[in-house]
């Protein structure tokens, strides 16, 4: 039996009924082979990053245990995004039907042309940190920093819980 890995996946959408997109993606995550969805955060609404005029995002974070390696899991995440109408462009921070980011994969550091873990920007994104805190409040990152300390660095949270 392969070893199980604990992973965290950020989920975001701001197009085509974002609440539905996020909830549907969570259902799809639960169907990934050799994997088990163990926790899901609340859903949050947050303003978009970057200068582009676009709708607010709906965000969440899921915790999974998987026997897949990081690249095979990434392939599954990209498949789910595509099934939800995601088209990849070179435009950064644009609107999207679904965005699934592999935030943490155990305590591993992965740096390949296709995948960087921990996600290089997650510590700068309150819309990832707060949902992650929902499901892993005692998480200590590989840097030794507590998740709660990262959240405290944000003077304004700019998030609201979605009650649906």
Foldseek 3Di string as FASTA:
>chain_A
DAAKKKWKKKKKAQDDPQVVLRVVVVVLVCVDPQKHWDDKFFWKWAQFDDDDDGGTMIMIMTIMIGRDDPVVVVVSQVVSQVVQVFDDDPDPRDHGGMDMATQAIHQDADDDPVDGPNPPCQLVALSNLVNVCRPCVQDQHPVRHGSVVSNVVDPDSRMDGDDD
